[in-house]
Structure formats: structure tokens, C-alpha cells
């Protein structure tokens, strides 16, 4: 898996989010269009697992919290950035989403949950804040940020 191979896998996700209001309705639409047991979701999850194992994804941080930006916001990404975080039994740093956050939750440990969500989609509306928390094991979370905006406290 290379960054060049990864980008076309996530393009349908970016396209599905283009211009959408980021809220629980978007999470439901993504859950329907890209269910955790569907081919597209599984392909992205497997690509993330491979890329983390190869060391080019989630190359920053240490221990039970590793992360990294994979795609910068641009016209062809509908101004969404793509980041992936690898979390194991952790409460992460408080941060705010000035323009919202769209999360694809991919548990690596059966039963692992990201902010209470198992495999699937979770959205945070613009202006929201949280401490990203993984319980029950290890999970990867791919997240898309409008304009790439995130503010850490």
C-alpha cells in the first residue's frame, strides 16, 4: 500500500461528504452508503492497517497514540483533509472542530470503541469539542476535516 494507492480508495468517501452538513444525519448516510461490512469500508480499513504496518501512516506520536495527516485539503478532496489516528486504550487531548469532523471508526480489537462508537461512522458538528477516547482495545480512526481545521487546547 502506498499513498498513491490509498488516495483513490478514499475518494468515494470524500465525494460523499462534499458540501454536506456535518451532523448525525451525515453519519447515518455514510453508515448506509459505506457500512462496516461493505466492500468499500473493508478496503479502506485494510489499506489503513497495511499502511500503519509499513510505517508511513500514523508515523507521528508514540505509544498508544499515533497519528498523521495523509491528504491535505484541496479542490479534488472537496477541501477536506484526511488524517488517521491509531489509538489504544487512551483518552486523547482536548480539541475543537471549528468546521466539523467526520470519523470512520475501524476497531482493530474486537469490541474496541471510539467515543462509544464501534465500527462505522461518527460526526462532530462545527464548533464541537471532545477528548478522543478509545476503550476496549485498539482502533484506527480515519477523520476528514473541512479546510483541514482542528484546534488543540
N, C-alpha and C. Protein backbone atom coordinates (compact mmCIF):
# COMPACT_ATOMS: atom_id res chain seq x y z
N UNK A 1 0.85 -1.19 0.00
CA UNK A 1 0.00 0.00 0.00
C UNK A 1 0.89 1.24 0.00
N UNK A 2 0.62 2.13 -0.91
CA UNK A 2 1.36 3.40 -0.99
C UNK A 2 0.37 4.56 -0.85
N UNK A 3 0.87 5.76 -0.55
CA UNK A 3 -0.05 6.91 -0.51
C UNK A 3 -0.78 7.11 -1.84
N UNK A 4 -0.12 6.81 -2.94
CA UNK A 4 -0.76 6.96 -4.26
C UNK A 4 -1.87 5.93 -4.47
N UNK A 5 -1.73 4.75 -3.89
CA UNK A 5 -2.78 3.73 -3.98
C UNK A 5 -3.92 4.02 -2.99
N UNK A 6 -3.58 4.67 -1.89
CA UNK A 6 -4.57 4.94 -0.86
C UNK A 6 -5.57 6.01 -1.30
N UNK A 7 -5.09 7.02 -1.94
CA UNK A 7 -5.94 8.16 -2.30
C UNK A 7 -7.20 7.76 -3.07
N UNK A 8 -7.11 6.93 -4.13
CA UNK A 8 -8.35 6.56 -4.84
C UNK A 8 -9.34 5.76 -3.99
N UNK A 9 -8.83 5.06 -2.97
CA UNK A 9 -9.72 4.30 -2.09
C UNK A 9 -10.61 5.23 -1.26
N UNK A 10 -10.05 6.38 -0.85
CA UNK A 10 -10.82 7.30 -0.02
C UNK A 10 -11.60 8.33 -0.82
N UNK A 11 -11.33 8.44 -2.11
CA UNK A 11 -12.03 9.44 -2.91
C UNK A 11 -13.55 9.31 -2.85
N UNK A 12 -14.12 8.08 -2.91
CA UNK A 12 -15.58 7.99 -2.77
C UNK A 12 -16.10 8.52 -1.43
N UNK A 13 -15.32 8.38 -0.37
CA UNK A 13 -15.72 8.91 0.93
C UNK A 13 -15.74 10.44 0.88
N UNK A 14 -14.68 11.00 0.30
CA UNK A 14 -14.60 12.45 0.16
C UNK A 14 -15.76 12.97 -0.69
N UNK A 15 -16.03 12.28 -1.80
CA UNK A 15 -17.12 12.70 -2.68
C UNK A 15 -18.47 12.66 -1.95
N UNK A 16 -18.67 11.64 -1.12
CA UNK A 16 -19.94 11.50 -0.39
C UNK A 16 -20.13 12.61 0.65
N UNK A 17 -19.03 13.20 1.10
CA UNK A 17 -19.09 14.25 2.12
C UNK A 17 -19.11 15.65 1.53
N UNK A 18 -18.89 15.77 0.24
CA UNK A 18 -18.78 17.08 -0.41
C UNK A 18 -20.01 17.93 -0.16
N UNK A 19 -19.80 19.08 0.47
CA UNK A 19 -20.87 20.04 0.68
C UNK A 19 -21.91 19.64 1.71
N UNK A 20 -21.72 18.51 2.37
CA UNK A 20 -22.73 18.03 3.33
C UNK A 20 -22.65 18.79 4.65
N UNK A 21 -23.79 18.93 5.30
CA UNK A 21 -23.82 19.43 6.66
C UNK A 21 -23.28 18.33 7.56
N UNK A 22 -22.33 18.66 8.40
CA UNK A 22 -21.70 17.65 9.26
C UNK A 22 -22.49 17.53 10.55
N UNK A 23 -23.23 16.42 10.64
CA UNK A 23 -24.07 16.15 11.80
C UNK A 23 -24.40 14.67 11.82
N UNK A 24 -25.29 14.27 12.74
CA UNK A 24 -25.65 12.86 12.86
C UNK A 24 -26.36 12.33 11.61
N UNK A 25 -26.98 13.21 10.84
CA UNK A 25 -27.63 12.77 9.60
C UNK A 25 -26.58 12.32 8.58
N UNK A 26 -25.47 13.06 8.50
CA UNK A 26 -24.38 12.65 7.61
C UNK A 26 -23.81 11.31 8.06
N UNK A 27 -23.61 11.13 9.35
CA UNK A 27 -23.11 9.84 9.85
C UNK A 27 -24.03 8.70 9.44
N UNK A 28 -25.34 8.92 9.52
CA UNK A 28 -26.30 7.89 9.11
C UNK A 28 -26.22 7.61 7.61
N UNK A 29 -26.07 8.68 6.81
CA UNK A 29 -25.95 8.47 5.35
C UNK A 29 -24.67 7.71 5.00
N UNK A 30 -23.57 8.03 5.68
CA UNK A 30 -22.31 7.33 5.43
C UNK A 30 -22.41 5.88 5.89
N UNK A 31 -23.07 5.66 7.02
CA UNK A 31 -23.26 4.30 7.54
C UNK A 31 -24.04 3.45 6.53
N UNK A 32 -24.99 4.08 5.85
CA UNK A 32 -25.79 3.38 4.84
C UNK A 32 -24.99 3.17 3.55
N UNK A 33 -24.27 4.19 3.11
CA UNK A 33 -23.52 4.11 1.85
C UNK A 33 -22.25 3.28 1.97
N UNK A 34 -21.59 3.35 3.14
CA UNK A 34 -20.33 2.66 3.37
C UNK A 34 -20.39 1.90 4.70
N UNK A 35 -21.20 0.84 4.77
CA UNK A 35 -21.34 0.11 6.03
C UNK A 35 -20.05 -0.63 6.38
N UNK A 36 -19.81 -0.86 7.67
CA UNK A 36 -18.59 -1.54 8.09
C UNK A 36 -18.38 -2.91 7.45
N UNK A 37 -19.45 -3.60 7.09
CA UNK A 37 -19.31 -4.91 6.45
C UNK A 37 -19.30 -4.83 4.92
N UNK A 38 -19.26 -3.60 4.40
CA UNK A 38 -19.27 -3.41 2.94
C UNK A 38 -17.86 -3.42 2.36
N UNK A 39 -17.79 -3.61 1.06
CA UNK A 39 -16.50 -3.71 0.37
C UNK A 39 -15.66 -2.45 0.50
N UNK A 40 -16.27 -1.28 0.31
CA UNK A 40 -15.51 -0.03 0.34
C UNK A 40 -14.91 0.21 1.73
N UNK A 41 -15.72 0.04 2.78
CA UNK A 41 -15.24 0.24 4.15
C UNK A 41 -14.11 -0.74 4.44
N UNK A 42 -14.32 -2.01 4.10
CA UNK A 42 -13.28 -3.02 4.37
C UNK A 42 -12.00 -2.73 3.61
N UNK A 43 -12.11 -2.24 2.37
CA UNK A 43 -10.91 -1.93 1.57
C UNK A 43 -10.11 -0.79 2.21
N UNK A 44 -10.80 0.25 2.66
CA UNK A 44 -10.11 1.37 3.30
C UNK A 44 -9.49 0.90 4.62
N UNK A 45 -10.22 0.13 5.40
CA UNK A 45 -9.71 -0.35 6.69
C UNK A 45 -8.47 -1.22 6.48
N UNK A 46 -8.50 -2.11 5.51
CA UNK A 46 -7.34 -2.97 5.24
C UNK A 46 -6.16 -2.14 4.76
N UNK A 47 -6.41 -1.15 3.91
CA UNK A 47 -5.34 -0.27 3.44
C UNK A 47 -4.71 0.48 4.61
N UNK A 48 -5.53 0.94 5.55
CA UNK A 48 -5.00 1.64 6.73
C UNK A 48 -4.15 0.69 7.56
N UNK A 49 -4.63 -0.52 7.79
CA UNK A 49 -3.85 -1.49 8.57
C UNK A 49 -2.50 -1.75 7.91
N UNK A 50 -2.50 -1.93 6.59
CA UNK A 50 -1.25 -2.17 5.87
C UNK A 50 -0.32 -0.97 5.97
N UNK A 51 -0.85 0.22 5.76
CA UNK A 51 -0.03 1.43 5.77
C UNK A 51 0.56 1.69 7.15
N UNK A 52 -0.20 1.42 8.21
CA UNK A 52 0.34 1.57 9.57
C UNK A 52 1.47 0.56 9.77
N UNK A 53 1.25 -0.68 9.35
CA UNK A 53 2.29 -1.71 9.48
C UNK A 53 3.55 -1.35 8.68
N UNK A 54 3.37 -0.71 7.54
CA UNK A 54 4.50 -0.31 6.70
C UNK A 54 5.20 0.94 7.23
N UNK A 55 4.55 1.67 8.15
CA UNK A 55 5.18 2.79 8.82
C UNK A 55 4.98 4.16 8.20
N UNK A 56 4.27 4.27 7.10
CA UNK A 56 4.08 5.61 6.53
C UNK A 56 2.79 6.27 7.01
N UNK A 57 1.89 5.51 7.57
CA UNK A 57 0.66 6.07 8.13
C UNK A 57 0.77 6.04 9.65
N UNK A 58 0.29 7.07 10.31
CA UNK A 58 0.36 7.20 11.77
C UNK A 58 1.82 7.17 12.23
N UNK A 59 2.65 7.92 11.54
CA UNK A 59 4.09 7.93 11.82
C UNK A 59 4.49 8.94 12.90
N UNK A 60 3.55 9.74 13.38
CA UNK A 60 3.84 10.72 14.44
C UNK A 60 3.26 10.23 15.76
N UNK A 61 3.71 10.81 16.84
CA UNK A 61 3.24 10.42 18.16
C UNK A 61 4.03 9.22 18.66
N UNK A 62 3.52 8.63 19.74
CA UNK A 62 4.22 7.49 20.32
C UNK A 62 3.26 6.70 21.19
N UNK A 63 3.69 5.50 21.53
CA UNK A 63 2.92 4.66 22.44
C UNK A 63 1.53 4.36 21.95
N UNK A 64 0.54 4.66 22.79
CA UNK A 64 -0.84 4.29 22.47
C UNK A 64 -1.60 5.38 21.70
N UNK A 65 -0.86 6.40 21.18
CA UNK A 65 -1.49 7.45 20.37
C UNK A 65 -0.53 7.86 19.27
N UNK A 66 -0.82 7.36 18.06
CA UNK A 66 -0.03 7.68 16.88
C UNK A 66 -0.98 8.27 15.84
N UNK A 67 -0.46 9.15 14.99
CA UNK A 67 -1.34 9.88 14.09
C UNK A 67 -0.56 10.41 12.90
N UNK A 68 -1.28 11.00 11.96
CA UNK A 68 -0.64 11.67 10.84
C UNK A 68 -1.65 12.10 9.79
N UNK A 69 -1.35 13.22 9.15
CA UNK A 69 -2.16 13.71 8.03
C UNK A 69 -1.72 12.97 6.78
N UNK A 70 -2.69 12.45 6.05
CA UNK A 70 -2.41 11.67 4.86
C UNK A 70 -2.66 12.49 3.60
N UNK A 71 -3.73 13.29 3.62
CA UNK A 71 -4.11 14.09 2.45
C UNK A 71 -4.44 15.50 2.92
N UNK A 72 -3.83 16.47 2.28
CA UNK A 72 -4.13 17.88 2.58
C UNK A 72 -5.43 18.29 1.87
N UNK A 73 -6.15 19.27 2.42
CA UNK A 73 -7.36 19.73 1.74
C UNK A 73 -7.01 20.38 0.40
N UNK A 74 -7.82 20.10 -0.60
CA UNK A 74 -7.60 20.62 -1.95
C UNK A 74 -8.92 20.59 -2.71
N UNK A 75 -8.94 21.15 -3.88
CA UNK A 75 -10.16 21.18 -4.69
C UNK A 75 -10.68 19.77 -4.96
N UNK A 76 -9.78 18.84 -5.29
CA UNK A 76 -10.23 17.49 -5.64
C UNK A 76 -10.65 16.67 -4.42
N UNK A 77 -10.36 17.16 -3.20
CA UNK A 77 -10.82 16.49 -1.98
C UNK A 77 -12.03 17.21 -1.39
N UNK A 78 -12.58 18.16 -2.16
CA UNK A 78 -13.72 18.97 -1.71
C UNK A 78 -13.33 19.76 -0.45
N UNK A 79 -12.06 20.15 -0.40
CA UNK A 79 -11.48 20.94 0.69
C UNK A 79 -11.48 20.19 2.02
N UNK A 80 -11.46 18.86 1.95
CA UNK A 80 -11.37 18.03 3.16
C UNK A 80 -9.95 17.47 3.28
N UNK A 81 -9.40 17.51 4.48
CA UNK A 81 -8.15 16.80 4.74
C UNK A 81 -8.51 15.40 5.20
N UNK A 82 -7.53 14.50 5.13
CA UNK A 82 -7.70 13.13 5.62
C UNK A 82 -6.54 12.84 6.58
N UNK A 83 -6.88 12.50 7.80
CA UNK A 83 -5.91 12.11 8.81
C UNK A 83 -6.30 10.73 9.31
N UNK A 84 -5.33 10.01 9.85
CA UNK A 84 -5.61 8.72 10.50
C UNK A 84 -4.90 8.72 11.84
N UNK A 85 -5.59 8.21 12.86
CA UNK A 85 -5.02 8.08 14.19
C UNK A 85 -5.16 6.63 14.63
N UNK A 86 -4.15 6.15 15.33
CA UNK A 86 -4.09 4.79 15.87
C UNK A 86 -4.10 4.93 17.38
N UNK A 87 -5.18 4.52 18.03
CA UNK A 87 -5.37 4.73 19.47
C UNK A 87 -5.60 3.41 20.19
N UNK A 88 -4.96 3.24 21.33
CA UNK A 88 -5.15 2.05 22.16
C UNK A 88 -5.43 2.49 23.59
N UNK A 89 -6.63 2.17 24.08
CA UNK A 89 -6.99 2.44 25.48
C UNK A 89 -6.47 3.80 25.93
N UNK A 90 -6.99 4.86 25.34
CA UNK A 90 -6.46 6.19 25.60
C UNK A 90 -7.56 7.24 25.62
N UNK A 91 -7.34 8.26 26.39
CA UNK A 91 -8.13 9.49 26.32
C UNK A 91 -7.18 10.53 25.76
N UNK A 92 -7.45 10.98 24.56
CA UNK A 92 -6.57 11.91 23.86
C UNK A 92 -6.76 13.34 24.31
N UNK A 93 -5.99 14.23 23.67
CA UNK A 93 -6.04 15.64 24.06
C UNK A 93 -7.33 16.33 23.60
N UNK A 94 -7.81 17.24 24.43
CA UNK A 94 -8.99 18.02 24.09
C UNK A 94 -8.71 18.82 22.83
N UNK A 95 -9.63 18.74 21.90
CA UNK A 95 -9.53 19.57 20.70
C UNK A 95 -10.92 19.96 20.22
N UNK A 96 -10.93 21.00 19.40
CA UNK A 96 -12.17 21.59 18.88
C UNK A 96 -12.19 21.44 17.37
N UNK A 97 -13.39 21.30 16.83
CA UNK A 97 -13.60 21.17 15.39
C UNK A 97 -14.29 22.43 14.88
N UNK A 98 -13.54 23.46 14.47
CA UNK A 98 -14.18 24.69 14.03
C UNK A 98 -15.12 24.49 12.85
N UNK A 99 -14.80 23.54 11.98
CA UNK A 99 -15.62 23.30 10.79
C UNK A 99 -16.24 21.91 10.78
N UNK A 100 -16.10 21.16 11.86
CA UNK A 100 -16.66 19.82 11.96
C UNK A 100 -15.61 18.74 11.75
N UNK A 101 -16.01 17.49 12.04
CA UNK A 101 -15.12 16.34 11.87
C UNK A 101 -15.97 15.13 11.49
N UNK A 102 -15.51 14.37 10.49
CA UNK A 102 -16.19 13.17 10.01
C UNK A 102 -15.26 12.00 10.27
N UNK A 103 -15.70 11.05 11.10
CA UNK A 103 -14.83 9.95 11.54
C UNK A 103 -15.31 8.59 11.03
N UNK A 104 -14.37 7.82 10.50
CA UNK A 104 -14.58 6.43 10.12
C UNK A 104 -13.86 5.58 11.17
N UNK A 105 -14.61 4.87 11.98
CA UNK A 105 -14.07 4.11 13.11
C UNK A 105 -13.81 2.66 12.67
N UNK A 106 -12.54 2.24 12.84
CA UNK A 106 -12.13 0.90 12.41
C UNK A 106 -11.46 0.17 13.58
N UNK A 107 -12.23 -0.55 14.39
CA UNK A 107 -11.64 -1.27 15.52
C UNK A 107 -10.64 -2.33 15.04
N UNK A 108 -9.50 -2.39 15.72
CA UNK A 108 -8.52 -3.44 15.45
C UNK A 108 -8.66 -4.57 16.47
N UNK A 109 -9.22 -4.22 17.62
CA UNK A 109 -9.52 -5.19 18.67
C UNK A 109 -11.03 -5.35 18.69
N UNK A 110 -11.50 -6.58 18.68
CA UNK A 110 -12.94 -6.80 18.73
C UNK A 110 -13.50 -6.13 19.98
N UNK A 111 -14.51 -5.32 19.79
CA UNK A 111 -15.14 -4.61 20.91
C UNK A 111 -14.56 -3.24 21.20
N UNK A 112 -13.48 -2.86 20.51
CA UNK A 112 -12.92 -1.52 20.74
C UNK A 112 -13.93 -0.47 20.26
N UNK A 113 -13.98 0.64 20.99
CA UNK A 113 -14.93 1.70 20.69
C UNK A 113 -14.22 3.05 20.73
N UNK A 114 -14.61 3.92 19.80
CA UNK A 114 -14.10 5.28 19.74
C UNK A 114 -15.23 6.20 20.18
N UNK A 115 -15.05 6.89 21.28
CA UNK A 115 -16.08 7.76 21.83
C UNK A 115 -17.44 7.04 21.87
N UNK A 116 -17.39 5.78 22.26
CA UNK A 116 -18.60 4.98 22.40
C UNK A 116 -19.08 4.32 21.13
N UNK A 117 -18.44 4.56 19.99
CA UNK A 117 -18.87 4.03 18.70
C UNK A 117 -17.97 2.88 18.27
N UNK A 118 -18.56 1.76 17.90
CA UNK A 118 -17.81 0.66 17.31
C UNK A 118 -17.57 0.96 15.84
N UNK A 119 -17.35 -0.06 15.04
CA UNK A 119 -17.09 0.11 13.62
C UNK A 119 -18.20 0.92 12.97
N UNK A 120 -17.82 1.91 12.17
CA UNK A 120 -18.80 2.74 11.47
C UNK A 120 -18.41 4.20 11.47
N UNK A 121 -19.42 5.06 11.49
CA UNK A 121 -19.24 6.49 11.26
C UNK A 121 -19.73 7.31 12.44
N UNK A 122 -18.97 8.36 12.74
CA UNK A 122 -19.35 9.30 13.80
C UNK A 122 -18.98 10.69 13.31
N UNK A 123 -19.88 11.64 13.46
CA UNK A 123 -19.63 13.01 13.02
C UNK A 123 -19.75 13.98 14.20
N UNK A 124 -18.90 14.99 14.16
CA UNK A 124 -18.92 16.06 15.14
C UNK A 124 -19.23 17.35 14.40
N UNK A 125 -20.28 18.04 14.82
CA UNK A 125 -20.71 19.25 14.13
C UNK A 125 -19.69 20.38 14.31
N UNK A 126 -19.74 21.38 13.44
CA UNK A 126 -18.84 22.53 13.58
C UNK A 126 -18.97 23.17 14.97
N UNK A 127 -17.82 23.50 15.54
CA UNK A 127 -17.78 24.12 16.85
C UNK A 127 -17.72 23.15 18.01
N UNK A 128 -17.88 21.87 17.74
CA UNK A 128 -17.86 20.87 18.82
C UNK A 128 -16.43 20.61 19.29
N UNK A 129 -16.32 20.00 20.45
CA UNK A 129 -15.01 19.65 21.02
C UNK A 129 -15.14 18.32 21.76
N UNK A 130 -14.03 17.60 21.87
CA UNK A 130 -14.02 16.35 22.63
C UNK A 130 -12.58 15.91 22.91
N UNK A 131 -12.47 14.92 23.77
CA UNK A 131 -11.21 14.21 24.01
C UNK A 131 -11.39 12.84 23.37
N UNK A 132 -10.72 12.57 22.24
CA UNK A 132 -10.92 11.29 21.57
C UNK A 132 -10.53 10.14 22.49
N UNK A 133 -11.47 9.24 22.71
CA UNK A 133 -11.29 8.17 23.68
C UNK A 133 -11.52 6.82 23.02
N UNK A 134 -10.54 5.94 23.15
CA UNK A 134 -10.72 4.56 22.71
C UNK A 134 -10.70 3.67 23.93
N UNK A 135 -11.74 2.85 24.05
CA UNK A 135 -11.86 1.88 25.14
C UNK A 135 -12.06 0.50 24.54
N UNK A 136 -11.70 -0.52 25.28
CA UNK A 136 -11.92 -1.89 24.83
C UNK A 136 -10.87 -2.39 23.86
N UNK A 137 -9.74 -1.70 23.76
CA UNK A 137 -8.68 -2.19 22.88
C UNK A 137 -8.10 -1.12 21.99
N UNK A 138 -7.89 -1.48 20.74
CA UNK A 138 -7.20 -0.62 19.77
C UNK A 138 -8.10 -0.35 18.57
N UNK A 139 -8.05 0.88 18.07
CA UNK A 139 -8.83 1.25 16.89
C UNK A 139 -8.06 2.25 16.04
N UNK A 140 -8.30 2.18 14.75
CA UNK A 140 -7.86 3.22 13.82
C UNK A 140 -9.07 4.09 13.56
N UNK A 141 -8.82 5.39 13.43
CA UNK A 141 -9.89 6.32 13.07
C UNK A 141 -9.38 7.19 11.93
N UNK A 142 -10.05 7.10 10.80
CA UNK A 142 -9.78 8.00 9.68
C UNK A 142 -10.73 9.16 9.87
N UNK A 143 -10.19 10.38 9.85
CA UNK A 143 -11.08 11.52 10.01
C UNK A 143 -10.82 12.57 8.95
N UNK A 144 -11.92 13.16 8.51
CA UNK A 144 -11.89 14.19 7.47
C UNK A 144 -12.30 15.51 8.11
N UNK A 145 -11.50 16.54 7.82
CA UNK A 145 -11.74 17.86 8.40
C UNK A 145 -11.93 18.90 7.28
N UNK A 146 -13.06 19.59 7.25
CA UNK A 146 -13.21 20.68 6.29
C UNK A 146 -12.10 21.71 6.48
N UNK A 147 -11.45 22.06 5.40
CA UNK A 147 -10.34 23.02 5.39
C UNK A 147 -9.17 22.53 6.22
N UNK A 148 -9.19 21.28 6.67
CA UNK A 148 -8.11 20.73 7.50
C UNK A 148 -8.04 21.34 8.88
N UNK A 149 -9.11 21.98 9.34
CA UNK A 149 -9.06 22.76 10.57
C UNK A 149 -9.32 21.89 11.81
N UNK A 150 -8.43 22.06 12.79
CA UNK A 150 -8.58 21.43 14.10
C UNK A 150 -7.82 22.32 15.08
N UNK A 151 -8.35 22.50 16.27
CA UNK A 151 -7.71 23.36 17.27
C UNK A 151 -7.51 22.55 18.56
N UNK A 152 -6.25 22.39 18.96
CA UNK A 152 -5.94 21.68 20.20
C UNK A 152 -5.84 22.68 21.33
N UNK A 153 -6.35 22.28 22.50
CA UNK A 153 -6.33 23.15 23.70
C UNK A 153 -4.99 23.03 24.38
